[in-house]
Amino acid sequence: MYTGLLHAHNGFRWLVLLALVVSVVLAISGWLGKREWKKTDNLFNLILVIFTDLQFLVGLVLYAFVSPITKAAFQNFGAAMKNPDLRFYAVEHILLMVVALVLIHIGRSKSKKASSSVKKHRTAAIFYTLSLVLILAGIPWSRALF
């Protein structure tokens, strides 16, 4: 079960990253080009939220229930904080990803409620770009890419 969930979590990150990059590009181009907010903008933002939420759920199951890495970290949390690999998975990875997830949700909500298309694009661009930076910082790049 662990291996399957880990592969799913590892592979699904590419869908999240793709949706996030597309959403950032659409938002920045819409903001700078003063383009009208279209159904496709809303659709890509929705897809981004769905992919991110699914990725978070798989990650949460790994983190809380099946990962031997986090189980080892929680057995002796003080020692885990001294080990960079255990600390990364027990604290840093999940913290960065939760903050990124929250920013994506805030960005989607605020962009939907904004009064003009430029404000919608600007809001989405800012929140999604911040999320992209956090996600890129929190991905364990040492793991297999696929």
N, C-alpha and C. Protein backbone atom coordinates (compact mmCIF):
# COMPACT_ATOMS: atom_id res chain seq x y z
N MET A 1 0.82 -1.20 0.00
CA MET A 1 0.00 0.00 0.00
C MET A 1 0.86 1.26 0.00
N TYR A 2 1.92 1.23 0.83
CA TYR A 2 2.80 2.39 0.91
C TYR A 2 3.43 2.70 -0.45
N THR A 3 3.95 1.69 -1.10
CA THR A 3 4.62 1.91 -2.39
C THR A 3 3.66 2.46 -3.42
N GLY A 4 2.46 1.93 -3.49
CA GLY A 4 1.47 2.42 -4.45
C GLY A 4 1.08 3.86 -4.19
N LEU A 5 0.83 4.20 -2.93
CA LEU A 5 0.48 5.58 -2.59
C LEU A 5 1.65 6.53 -2.86
N LEU A 6 2.85 6.08 -2.56
CA LEU A 6 4.02 6.92 -2.79
C LEU A 6 4.21 7.18 -4.29
N HIS A 7 4.04 6.15 -5.11
CA HIS A 7 4.15 6.34 -6.56
C HIS A 7 3.04 7.26 -7.08
N ALA A 8 1.84 7.10 -6.56
CA ALA A 8 0.74 7.97 -6.97
C ALA A 8 1.04 9.43 -6.58
N HIS A 9 1.50 9.62 -5.36
CA HIS A 9 1.83 10.96 -4.86
C HIS A 9 2.99 11.55 -5.66
N ASN A 10 3.96 10.74 -5.95
CA ASN A 10 5.13 11.17 -6.71
C ASN A 10 4.76 11.52 -8.14
N GLY A 11 3.95 10.72 -8.78
CA GLY A 11 3.57 10.97 -10.16
C GLY A 11 2.54 12.08 -10.32
N PHE A 12 1.64 12.19 -9.36
CA PHE A 12 0.57 13.17 -9.45
C PHE A 12 1.09 14.60 -9.30
N ARG A 13 2.28 14.73 -8.73
CA ARG A 13 2.84 16.07 -8.56
C ARG A 13 2.99 16.78 -9.89
N TRP A 14 3.23 15.99 -10.96
CA TRP A 14 3.42 16.59 -12.28
C TRP A 14 2.13 17.20 -12.79
N LEU A 15 0.99 16.59 -12.47
CA LEU A 15 -0.30 17.18 -12.85
C LEU A 15 -0.55 18.47 -12.07
N VAL A 16 -0.21 18.45 -10.79
CA VAL A 16 -0.37 19.65 -9.97
C VAL A 16 0.53 20.76 -10.51
N LEU A 17 1.79 20.44 -10.78
CA LEU A 17 2.71 21.45 -11.29
C LEU A 17 2.25 21.99 -12.65
N LEU A 18 1.79 21.11 -13.52
CA LEU A 18 1.31 21.54 -14.83
C LEU A 18 0.11 22.48 -14.69
N ALA A 19 -0.85 22.08 -13.87
CA ALA A 19 -2.03 22.93 -13.64
C ALA A 19 -1.65 24.26 -13.01
N LEU A 20 -0.69 24.23 -12.11
CA LEU A 20 -0.25 25.46 -11.44
C LEU A 20 0.48 26.38 -12.41
N VAL A 21 1.37 25.83 -13.21
CA VAL A 21 2.10 26.65 -14.18
C VAL A 21 1.14 27.25 -15.21
N VAL A 22 0.20 26.46 -15.71
CA VAL A 22 -0.78 26.98 -16.66
C VAL A 22 -1.61 28.09 -16.01
N SER A 23 -2.03 27.88 -14.78
CA SER A 23 -2.83 28.90 -14.09
C SER A 23 -2.03 30.17 -13.86
N VAL A 24 -0.75 30.04 -13.52
CA VAL A 24 0.10 31.21 -13.33
C VAL A 24 0.28 31.96 -14.65
N VAL A 25 0.57 31.23 -15.71
CA VAL A 25 0.77 31.87 -17.02
C VAL A 25 -0.51 32.58 -17.47
N LEU A 26 -1.65 31.92 -17.33
CA LEU A 26 -2.92 32.56 -17.70
C LEU A 26 -3.18 33.80 -16.86
N ALA A 27 -2.90 33.72 -15.58
CA ALA A 27 -3.16 34.86 -14.68
C ALA A 27 -2.22 36.03 -14.99
N ILE A 28 -0.94 35.76 -15.16
CA ILE A 28 0.00 36.84 -15.45
C ILE A 28 -0.29 37.47 -16.81
N SER A 29 -0.55 36.63 -17.82
CA SER A 29 -0.84 37.18 -19.15
C SER A 29 -2.17 37.96 -19.14
N GLY A 30 -3.13 37.49 -18.38
CA GLY A 30 -4.39 38.22 -18.27
C GLY A 30 -4.24 39.53 -17.54
N TRP A 31 -3.42 39.52 -16.50
CA TRP A 31 -3.17 40.73 -15.71
C TRP A 31 -2.42 41.77 -16.54
N LEU A 32 -1.29 41.36 -17.10
CA LEU A 32 -0.47 42.31 -17.85
C LEU A 32 -1.12 42.72 -19.17
N GLY A 33 -1.86 41.80 -19.78
CA GLY A 33 -2.54 42.10 -21.04
C GLY A 33 -3.92 42.71 -20.86
N LYS A 34 -4.32 42.90 -19.60
CA LYS A 34 -5.64 43.45 -19.28
C LYS A 34 -6.76 42.72 -20.03
N ARG A 35 -6.63 41.39 -20.06
CA ARG A 35 -7.57 40.53 -20.75
C ARG A 35 -8.79 40.26 -19.87
N GLU A 36 -9.91 40.06 -20.50
CA GLU A 36 -11.13 39.72 -19.77
C GLU A 36 -10.97 38.34 -19.12
N TRP A 37 -11.60 38.19 -17.98
CA TRP A 37 -11.64 36.90 -17.28
C TRP A 37 -12.58 35.99 -18.05
N LYS A 38 -12.07 34.84 -18.46
CA LYS A 38 -12.86 33.93 -19.29
C LYS A 38 -13.23 32.67 -18.51
N LYS A 39 -14.10 31.88 -19.12
CA LYS A 39 -14.46 30.59 -18.53
C LYS A 39 -13.24 29.68 -18.41
N THR A 40 -12.32 29.77 -19.38
CA THR A 40 -11.11 28.93 -19.32
C THR A 40 -10.24 29.28 -18.12
N ASP A 41 -10.19 30.56 -17.75
CA ASP A 41 -9.44 30.95 -16.55
C ASP A 41 -10.04 30.29 -15.32
N ASN A 42 -11.35 30.38 -15.22
CA ASN A 42 -12.05 29.77 -14.09
C ASN A 42 -11.87 28.25 -14.09
N LEU A 43 -11.95 27.65 -15.27
CA LEU A 43 -11.81 26.19 -15.39
C LEU A 43 -10.42 25.73 -14.95
N PHE A 44 -9.38 26.40 -15.42
CA PHE A 44 -8.03 26.00 -15.02
C PHE A 44 -7.80 26.20 -13.53
N ASN A 45 -8.37 27.26 -12.97
CA ASN A 45 -8.24 27.47 -11.52
C ASN A 45 -8.96 26.37 -10.75
N LEU A 46 -10.12 25.95 -11.24
CA LEU A 46 -10.85 24.86 -10.60
C LEU A 46 -10.06 23.55 -10.70
N ILE A 47 -9.53 23.27 -11.88
CA ILE A 47 -8.71 22.06 -12.06
C ILE A 47 -7.51 22.09 -11.11
N LEU A 48 -6.89 23.25 -10.98
CA LEU A 48 -5.76 23.39 -10.06
C LEU A 48 -6.17 23.04 -8.63
N VAL A 49 -7.28 23.55 -8.19
CA VAL A 49 -7.75 23.28 -6.82
C VAL A 49 -8.06 21.79 -6.65
N ILE A 50 -8.71 21.19 -7.62
CA ILE A 50 -9.06 19.77 -7.53
C ILE A 50 -7.80 18.91 -7.47
N PHE A 51 -6.86 19.16 -8.39
CA PHE A 51 -5.61 18.38 -8.39
C PHE A 51 -4.83 18.57 -7.09
N THR A 52 -4.78 19.80 -6.61
CA THR A 52 -4.04 20.08 -5.38
C THR A 52 -4.69 19.40 -4.19
N ASP A 53 -6.00 19.44 -4.12
CA ASP A 53 -6.71 18.79 -3.01
C ASP A 53 -6.51 17.27 -3.04
N LEU A 54 -6.59 16.68 -4.23
CA LEU A 54 -6.35 15.23 -4.34
C LEU A 54 -4.92 14.87 -3.93
N GLN A 55 -3.98 15.66 -4.38
CA GLN A 55 -2.58 15.42 -4.02
C GLN A 55 -2.40 15.54 -2.51
N PHE A 56 -3.04 16.52 -1.91
CA PHE A 56 -2.95 16.70 -0.47
C PHE A 56 -3.55 15.51 0.28
N LEU A 57 -4.67 15.01 -0.19
CA LEU A 57 -5.29 13.87 0.48
C LEU A 57 -4.40 12.63 0.44
N VAL A 58 -3.82 12.36 -0.71
CA VAL A 58 -2.89 11.22 -0.82
C VAL A 58 -1.69 11.44 0.10
N GLY A 59 -1.16 12.65 0.09
CA GLY A 59 -0.03 12.97 0.95
C GLY A 59 -0.37 12.86 2.43
N LEU A 60 -1.57 13.27 2.78
CA LEU A 60 -1.99 13.18 4.19
C LEU A 60 -2.11 11.73 4.65
N VAL A 61 -2.64 10.87 3.79
CA VAL A 61 -2.71 9.45 4.12
C VAL A 61 -1.30 8.89 4.30
N LEU A 62 -0.41 9.24 3.39
CA LEU A 62 0.99 8.80 3.53
C LEU A 62 1.57 9.30 4.84
N TYR A 63 1.42 10.57 5.09
CA TYR A 63 2.03 11.21 6.26
C TYR A 63 1.50 10.64 7.58
N ALA A 64 0.20 10.52 7.67
CA ALA A 64 -0.41 10.17 8.95
C ALA A 64 -0.53 8.67 9.22
N PHE A 65 -0.58 7.87 8.15
CA PHE A 65 -0.93 6.47 8.38
C PHE A 65 0.07 5.44 7.87
N VAL A 66 0.71 5.65 6.73
CA VAL A 66 1.45 4.54 6.15
C VAL A 66 2.95 4.77 5.94
N SER A 67 3.42 5.98 6.01
CA SER A 67 4.83 6.23 5.71
C SER A 67 5.75 5.76 6.85
N PRO A 68 6.70 4.89 6.53
CA PRO A 68 7.66 4.49 7.56
C PRO A 68 8.58 5.64 7.95
N ILE A 69 8.74 6.60 7.08
CA ILE A 69 9.59 7.75 7.37
C ILE A 69 8.98 8.60 8.48
N THR A 70 7.71 8.93 8.35
CA THR A 70 7.08 9.75 9.39
C THR A 70 6.85 8.94 10.67
N LYS A 71 6.59 7.65 10.53
CA LYS A 71 6.48 6.82 11.73
C LYS A 71 7.78 6.84 12.52
N ALA A 72 8.90 6.73 11.82
CA ALA A 72 10.21 6.79 12.48
C ALA A 72 10.44 8.15 13.11
N ALA A 73 10.04 9.20 12.43
CA ALA A 73 10.22 10.55 12.96
C ALA A 73 9.39 10.77 14.23
N PHE A 74 8.18 10.25 14.26
CA PHE A 74 7.31 10.47 15.42
C PHE A 74 7.69 9.61 16.61
N GLN A 75 8.46 8.55 16.40
CA GLN A 75 8.91 7.73 17.53
C GLN A 75 9.86 8.51 18.43
N ASN A 76 10.70 9.32 17.83
CA ASN A 76 11.62 10.16 18.60
C ASN A 76 11.77 11.47 17.84
N PHE A 77 10.85 12.39 18.12
CA PHE A 77 10.77 13.62 17.34
C PHE A 77 12.00 14.50 17.55
N GLY A 78 12.55 14.49 18.75
CA GLY A 78 13.76 15.27 19.02
C GLY A 78 14.92 14.82 18.16
N ALA A 79 15.11 13.52 18.07
CA ALA A 79 16.18 12.99 17.22
C ALA A 79 15.89 13.24 15.75
N ALA A 80 14.62 13.17 15.37
CA ALA A 80 14.25 13.42 13.97
C ALA A 80 14.57 14.84 13.54
N MET A 81 14.47 15.78 14.47
CA MET A 81 14.77 17.17 14.14
C MET A 81 16.27 17.38 13.87
N LYS A 82 17.08 16.49 14.35
CA LYS A 82 18.52 16.57 14.11
C LYS A 82 18.94 15.87 12.82
N ASN A 83 18.02 15.10 12.26
CA ASN A 83 18.28 14.39 11.01
C ASN A 83 17.61 15.16 9.86
N PRO A 84 18.39 15.73 8.94
CA PRO A 84 17.79 16.57 7.89
C PRO A 84 16.74 15.86 7.04
N ASP A 85 16.94 14.59 6.72
CA ASP A 85 15.95 13.86 5.91
C ASP A 85 14.65 13.65 6.66
N LEU A 86 14.74 13.21 7.91
CA LEU A 86 13.52 13.00 8.70
C LEU A 86 12.80 14.32 8.96
N ARG A 87 13.58 15.36 9.28
CA ARG A 87 12.98 16.67 9.54
C ARG A 87 12.24 17.19 8.30
N PHE A 88 12.85 16.97 7.13
CA PHE A 88 12.22 17.44 5.89
C PHE A 88 10.84 16.81 5.73
N TYR A 89 10.74 15.49 5.86
CA TYR A 89 9.46 14.82 5.65
C TYR A 89 8.49 15.01 6.81
N ALA A 90 9.00 15.11 8.02
CA ALA A 90 8.11 15.23 9.18
C ALA A 90 7.57 16.64 9.38
N VAL A 91 8.34 17.66 8.94
CA VAL A 91 7.93 19.03 9.23
C VAL A 91 7.93 19.92 7.98
N GLU A 92 9.06 20.00 7.32
CA GLU A 92 9.22 21.01 6.27
C GLU A 92 8.32 20.76 5.06
N HIS A 93 8.31 19.54 4.56
CA HIS A 93 7.52 19.21 3.37
C HIS A 93 6.05 19.49 3.60
N ILE A 94 5.51 18.96 4.67
CA ILE A 94 4.07 19.14 4.89
C ILE A 94 3.73 20.60 5.20
N LEU A 95 4.59 21.31 5.91
CA LEU A 95 4.32 22.71 6.22
C LEU A 95 4.27 23.55 4.93
N LEU A 96 5.27 23.39 4.08
CA LEU A 96 5.29 24.14 2.83
C LEU A 96 4.08 23.81 1.96
N MET A 97 3.73 22.54 1.90
CA MET A 97 2.62 22.13 1.05
C MET A 97 1.27 22.59 1.58
N VAL A 98 1.09 22.58 2.89
CA VAL A 98 -0.17 23.06 3.47
C VAL A 98 -0.31 24.56 3.23
N VAL A 99 0.77 25.31 3.42
CA VAL A 99 0.71 26.75 3.17
C VAL A 99 0.41 27.02 1.70
N ALA A 100 1.05 26.28 0.80
CA ALA A 100 0.79 26.43 -0.64
C ALA A 100 -0.66 26.11 -0.96
N LEU A 101 -1.19 25.04 -0.38
CA LEU A 101 -2.58 24.66 -0.59
C LEU A 101 -3.53 25.76 -0.13
N VAL A 102 -3.26 26.32 1.04
CA VAL A 102 -4.09 27.40 1.57
C VAL A 102 -4.03 28.62 0.64
N LEU A 103 -2.83 28.95 0.16
CA LEU A 103 -2.70 30.09 -0.75
C LEU A 103 -3.45 29.86 -2.07
N ILE A 104 -3.43 28.63 -2.56
CA ILE A 104 -4.17 28.32 -3.78
C ILE A 104 -5.67 28.51 -3.55
N HIS A 105 -6.16 28.04 -2.41
CA HIS A 105 -7.59 28.21 -2.11
C HIS A 105 -7.96 29.68 -1.92
N ILE A 106 -7.10 30.42 -1.23
CA ILE A 106 -7.37 31.85 -1.05
C ILE A 106 -7.34 32.57 -2.40
N GLY A 107 -6.35 32.23 -3.22
CA GLY A 107 -6.25 32.86 -4.54
C GLY A 107 -7.48 32.59 -5.39
N ARG A 108 -7.94 31.37 -5.37
CA ARG A 108 -9.14 31.03 -6.16
C ARG A 108 -10.36 31.80 -5.64
N SER A 109 -10.53 31.81 -4.33
CA SER A 109 -11.68 32.47 -3.73
C SER A 109 -11.66 33.98 -3.99
N LYS A 110 -10.52 34.59 -3.74
CA LYS A 110 -10.41 36.04 -3.93
C LYS A 110 -10.51 36.43 -5.40
N SER A 111 -9.96 35.61 -6.28
CA SER A 111 -10.04 35.96 -7.70
C SER A 111 -11.48 35.84 -8.21
N LYS A 112 -12.23 34.89 -7.69
CA LYS A 112 -13.64 34.76 -8.10
C LYS A 112 -14.45 35.97 -7.63
N LYS A 113 -14.09 36.53 -6.46
CA LYS A 113 -14.87 37.62 -5.87
C LYS A 113 -14.41 39.01 -6.32
N ALA A 114 -13.27 39.09 -6.99
CA ALA A 114 -12.74 40.39 -7.39
C ALA A 114 -13.71 41.09 -8.34
N SER A 115 -13.67 42.42 -8.31
CA SER A 115 -14.67 43.21 -9.04
C SER A 115 -14.38 43.39 -10.52
N SER A 116 -13.12 43.25 -10.93
CA SER A 116 -12.80 43.43 -12.34
C SER A 116 -11.91 42.28 -12.82
N SER A 117 -11.83 42.13 -14.13
CA SER A 117 -11.00 41.07 -14.70
C SER A 117 -9.54 41.25 -14.35
N VAL A 118 -9.06 42.49 -14.40
CA VAL A 118 -7.64 42.74 -14.08
C VAL A 118 -7.36 42.35 -12.63
N LYS A 119 -8.26 42.68 -11.73
CA LYS A 119 -8.08 42.32 -10.32
C LYS A 119 -8.14 40.80 -10.13
N LYS A 120 -9.01 40.15 -10.88
CA LYS A 120 -9.10 38.69 -10.80
C LYS A 120 -7.78 38.06 -11.22
N HIS A 121 -7.25 38.50 -12.36
CA HIS A 121 -5.98 37.97 -12.86
C HIS A 121 -4.83 38.30 -11.92
N ARG A 122 -4.79 39.53 -11.42
CA ARG A 122 -3.70 39.94 -10.52
C ARG A 122 -3.71 39.10 -9.24
N THR A 123 -4.88 38.93 -8.67
CA THR A 123 -5.00 38.14 -7.45
C THR A 123 -4.55 36.70 -7.68
N ALA A 124 -5.04 36.10 -8.76
CA ALA A 124 -4.65 34.72 -9.07
C ALA A 124 -3.15 34.64 -9.32
N ALA A 125 -2.59 35.60 -10.05
CA ALA A 125 -1.16 35.59 -10.36
C ALA A 125 -0.32 35.64 -9.08
N ILE A 126 -0.68 36.50 -8.17
CA ILE A 126 0.10 36.66 -6.93
C ILE A 126 0.01 35.40 -6.07
N PHE A 127 -1.18 34.93 -5.81
CA PHE A 127 -1.35 33.78 -4.92
C PHE A 127 -0.80 32.49 -5.55
N TYR A 128 -1.03 32.30 -6.82
CA TYR A 128 -0.56 31.07 -7.47
C TYR A 128 0.96 31.07 -7.64
N THR A 129 1.54 32.23 -7.89
CA THR A 129 3.01 32.30 -8.00
C THR A 129 3.66 32.01 -6.66
N LEU A 130 3.12 32.57 -5.60
CA LEU A 130 3.64 32.25 -4.26
C LEU A 130 3.52 30.76 -3.97
N SER A 131 2.40 30.18 -4.33
CA SER A 131 2.20 28.74 -4.14
C SER A 131 3.20 27.93 -4.94
N LEU A 132 3.44 28.33 -6.18
CA LEU A 132 4.40 27.63 -7.02
C LEU A 132 5.79 27.64 -6.40
N VAL A 133 6.20 28.77 -5.88
CA VAL A 133 7.52 28.87 -5.24
C VAL A 133 7.59 27.94 -4.03
N LEU A 134 6.56 27.94 -3.20
CA LEU A 134 6.55 27.08 -2.02
C LEU A 134 6.55 25.60 -2.40
N ILE A 135 5.77 25.25 -3.41
CA ILE A 135 5.71 23.85 -3.83
C ILE A 135 7.05 23.40 -4.40
N LEU A 136 7.66 24.23 -5.22
CA LEU A 136 8.98 23.88 -5.77
C LEU A 136 10.02 23.74 -4.66
N ALA A 137 9.91 24.56 -3.63
CA ALA A 137 10.84 24.46 -2.50
C ALA A 137 10.58 23.21 -1.66
N GLY A 138 9.33 22.75 -1.64
CA GLY A 138 8.97 21.63 -0.78
C GLY A 138 8.98 20.27 -1.43
N ILE A 139 9.23 20.21 -2.73
CA ILE A 139 9.27 18.92 -3.42
C ILE A 139 10.59 18.22 -3.09
N PRO A 140 10.52 16.95 -2.73
CA PRO A 140 11.76 16.19 -2.49
C PRO A 140 12.40 15.80 -3.82
N TRP A 141 13.20 16.67 -4.38
CA TRP A 141 13.78 16.46 -5.70
C TRP A 141 14.75 15.28 -5.74
N SER A 142 15.21 14.82 -4.58
CA SER A 142 16.13 13.68 -4.55
C SER A 142 15.42 12.37 -4.88
N ARG A 143 14.10 12.35 -4.75
CA ARG A 143 13.33 11.14 -5.10
C ARG A 143 13.25 11.00 -6.61
N ALA A 144 12.92 9.84 -7.06
CA ALA A 144 12.78 9.59 -8.49
C ALA A 144 11.80 10.60 -9.09
N LEU A 145 12.09 11.07 -10.29
CA LEU A 145 11.25 12.08 -10.91
C LEU A 145 9.93 11.51 -11.40
N PHE A 146 9.89 10.21 -11.65
CA PHE A 146 8.64 9.60 -12.13
C PHE A 146 8.31 8.39 -11.30
